[in-house]
C-alpha atoms as a PDB file:
ATOM      1  CA  MET A   1      -7.669  13.127  34.820  1.00  0.00           C
ATOM      2  CA  ARG A   2      -4.962  13.913  32.339  1.00  0.00           C
ATOM      3  CA  PRO A   3      -6.002  14.315  28.610  1.00  0.00           C
ATOM      4  CA  VAL A   4      -4.990  11.479  26.349  1.00  0.00           C
ATOM      5  CA  PRO A   5      -3.067  12.324  23.104  1.00  0.00           C
ATOM      6  CA  ARG A   6      -5.485  10.617  19.334  1.00  0.00           C
ATOM      7  CA  ASN A   7      -2.105   8.600  18.238  1.00  0.00           C
ATOM      8  CA  ILE A   8      -4.541   5.811  17.361  1.00  0.00           C
ATOM      9  CA  ASP A   9      -7.083   7.339  14.903  1.00  0.00           C
ATOM     10  CA  ARG A  10      -4.676  10.397  13.879  1.00  0.00           C
ATOM     11  CA  PRO A  11      -4.832  10.560  10.007  1.00  0.00           C
ATOM     12  CA  ASN A  12      -1.553   8.944   8.947  1.00  0.00           C
ATOM     13  CA  ARG A  13       0.399   8.048   5.959  1.00  0.00           C
ATOM     14  CA  MET A  14       1.844   4.940   8.072  1.00  0.00           C
ATOM     15  CA  ALA A  15      -0.506   2.502   6.228  1.00  0.00           C
ATOM     16  CA  GLU A  16       1.104   3.631   2.947  1.00  0.00           C
ATOM     17  CA  ILE A  17       4.934   3.915   3.701  1.00  0.00           C
ATOM     18  CA  VAL A  18       4.209   0.390   4.922  1.00  0.00           C
ATOM     19  CA  ILE A  19       2.919  -1.478   1.913  1.00  0.00           C
ATOM     20  CA  VAL A  20       5.267   0.006  -1.012  1.00  0.00           C
ATOM     21  CA  PHE A  21       8.408  -0.651   1.197  1.00  0.00           C
ATOM     22  CA  LEU A  22       7.022  -4.248   1.816  1.00  0.00           C
ATOM     23  CA  PHE A  23       5.355  -4.571  -2.163  1.00  0.00           C
ATOM     24  CA  CYS A  24       8.958  -3.083  -3.236  1.00  0.00           C
ATOM     25  CA  HIS A  25      10.821  -5.180  -0.813  1.00  0.00           C
ATOM     26  CA  TYR A  26       9.369  -8.313  -0.874  1.00  0.00           C
ATOM     27  CA  GLY A  27       9.190  -8.403  -4.760  1.00  0.00           C
ATOM     28  CA  VAL A  28      13.186  -7.348  -5.055  1.00  0.00           C
ATOM     29  CA  MET A  29      13.782 -10.437  -3.244  1.00  0.00           C
ATOM     30  CA  PHE A  30      11.986 -12.351  -4.200  1.00  0.00           C
ATOM     31  CA  ILE A  31      13.262 -11.631  -8.151  1.00  0.00           C
ATOM     32  CA  MET A  32      17.104 -11.099  -7.244  1.00  0.00           C
ATOM     33  CA  SER A  33      17.674 -12.229  -3.739  1.00  0.00           C
ATOM     34  CA  ASN A  34      19.612  -9.629  -2.666  1.00  0.00           C
ATOM     35  CA  VAL A  35      18.393  -7.623   1.011  1.00  0.00           C
ATOM     36  CA  LEU A  36      20.836  -4.685  -0.103  1.00  0.00           C
ATOM     37  CA  MET A  37      18.932  -4.150  -3.339  1.00  0.00           C
ATOM     38  CA  ALA A  38      15.894  -4.560  -1.916  1.00  0.00           C
ATOM     39  CA  TRP A  39      16.189  -2.090   0.530  1.00  0.00           C
ATOM     40  CA  ILE A  40      17.360   0.533  -1.768  1.00  0.00           C
ATOM     41  CA  VAL A  41      14.315  -0.295  -3.617  1.00  0.00           C
ATOM     42  CA  GLY A  42      12.285   0.086  -1.013  1.00  0.00           C
ATOM     43  CA  LEU A  43      13.036   3.177   0.139  1.00  0.00           C
ATOM     44  CA  GLY A  44      12.947   4.333  -3.206  1.00  0.00           C
ATOM     45  CA  GLY A  45       9.705   3.449  -3.731  1.00  0.00           C
ATOM     46  CA  VAL A  46       9.121   5.646  -0.631  1.00  0.00           C
ATOM     47  CA  TYR A  47      10.900   8.751  -1.556  1.00  0.00           C
ATOM     48  CA  VAL A  48       8.739   8.225  -5.170  1.00  0.00           C
ATOM     49  CA  VAL A  49       5.338   7.771  -3.384  1.00  0.00           C
ATOM     50  CA  ASN A  50       5.884  10.672  -0.197  1.00  0.00           C
ATOM     51  CA  LYS A  51       6.889  12.692  -3.367  1.00  0.00           C
ATOM     52  CA  ILE A  52       3.667  11.977  -5.215  1.00  0.00           C
ATOM     53  CA  THR A  53       1.600  13.018  -2.669  1.00  0.00           C
ATOM     54  CA  ALA A  54       2.919  15.247  -0.952  1.00  0.00           C
ATOM     55  CA  ASN A  55       0.990  18.085   0.976  1.00  0.00           C
ATOM     56  CA  LYS A  56      -2.870  15.404  -0.730  1.00  0.00           C
ATOM     57  CA  PRO A  57      -5.293  14.436   2.450  1.00  0.00           C
ATOM     58  CA  GLU A  58      -4.361  10.924   3.309  1.00  0.00           C
ATOM     59  CA  GLY A  59      -5.583   7.883   1.133  1.00  0.00           C
ATOM     60  CA  THR A  60      -4.162   9.118  -1.885  1.00  0.00           C
ATOM     61  CA  PHE A  61      -1.643   6.311  -2.535  1.00  0.00           C
ATOM     62  CA  PHE A  62      -4.915   4.351  -1.753  1.00  0.00           C
ATOM     63  CA  ARG A  63      -6.857   5.977  -5.024  1.00  0.00           C
ATOM     64  CA  LEU A  64      -3.921   6.427  -7.723  1.00  0.00           C
ATOM     65  CA  TRP A  65      -3.596   2.746  -7.374  1.00  0.00           C
ATOM     66  CA  TYR A  66      -7.992   1.182  -7.143  1.00  0.00           C
ATOM     67  CA  LYS A  67      -7.966   3.574 -10.399  1.00  0.00           C
ATOM     68  CA  PHE A  68      -4.496   2.168 -12.243  1.00  0.00           C
ATOM     69  CA  ALA A  69      -4.179  -1.468 -10.778  1.00  0.00           C
ATOM     70  CA  PRO A  70      -8.107  -2.216  -9.717  1.00  0.00           C
ATOM     71  CA  ILE A  71      -8.171  -5.341  -7.213  1.00  0.00           C
ATOM     72  CA  GLY A  72     -11.859  -5.635  -7.547  1.00  0.00           C
ATOM     73  CA  LYS A  73     -11.544  -6.708 -11.400  1.00  0.00           C
ATOM     74  CA  PHE A  74      -9.576 -10.295  -9.917  1.00  0.00           C
ATOM     75  CA  PHE A  75     -12.240 -11.635  -7.571  1.00  0.00           C
ATOM     76  CA  ALA A  76     -15.737 -12.766  -8.905  1.00  0.00           C
ATOM     77  CA  ASN A  77     -18.440 -11.271  -9.358  1.00  0.00           C
ATOM     78  CA  PRO A  78     -21.326 -12.783  -7.291  1.00  0.00           C
ATOM     79  CA  LYS A  79     -23.542 -12.222  -9.476  1.00  0.00           C
ATOM     80  CA  LYS A  80     -21.474 -13.266 -12.437  1.00  0.00           C
ATOM     81  CA  ALA A  81     -21.500 -16.805 -10.574  1.00  0.00           C
ATOM     82  CA  PRO A  82     -23.616 -19.123 -11.146  1.00  0.00           C
ATOM     83  CA  TRP A  83     -22.791 -20.643  -7.357  1.00  0.00           C
ATOM     84  CA  PHE A  84     -19.858 -20.629  -4.800  1.00  0.00           C
ATOM     85  CA  GLU A  85     -18.978 -24.155  -3.210  1.00  0.00           C
ATOM     86  CA  VAL A  86     -18.282 -24.007   0.304  1.00  0.00           C
END
């Protein structure tokens, strides 16, 4: 049996790249409805994130994102909410 490379769980920055590109691309498409500008801004965002997170461990972009834009503050705290409706 030949050895199989670990492509599935190999650490990489693909999730960071995809999220930045899609966020920039669809944000510009929503505001300006210009496909060329959306591609340019999306690729520019990917370039900036790659420069910021170069030579750093995987997940640096997500750590910075949670530090400066905490997503958890948008959700209701279960301890403070009196009840949840189904």
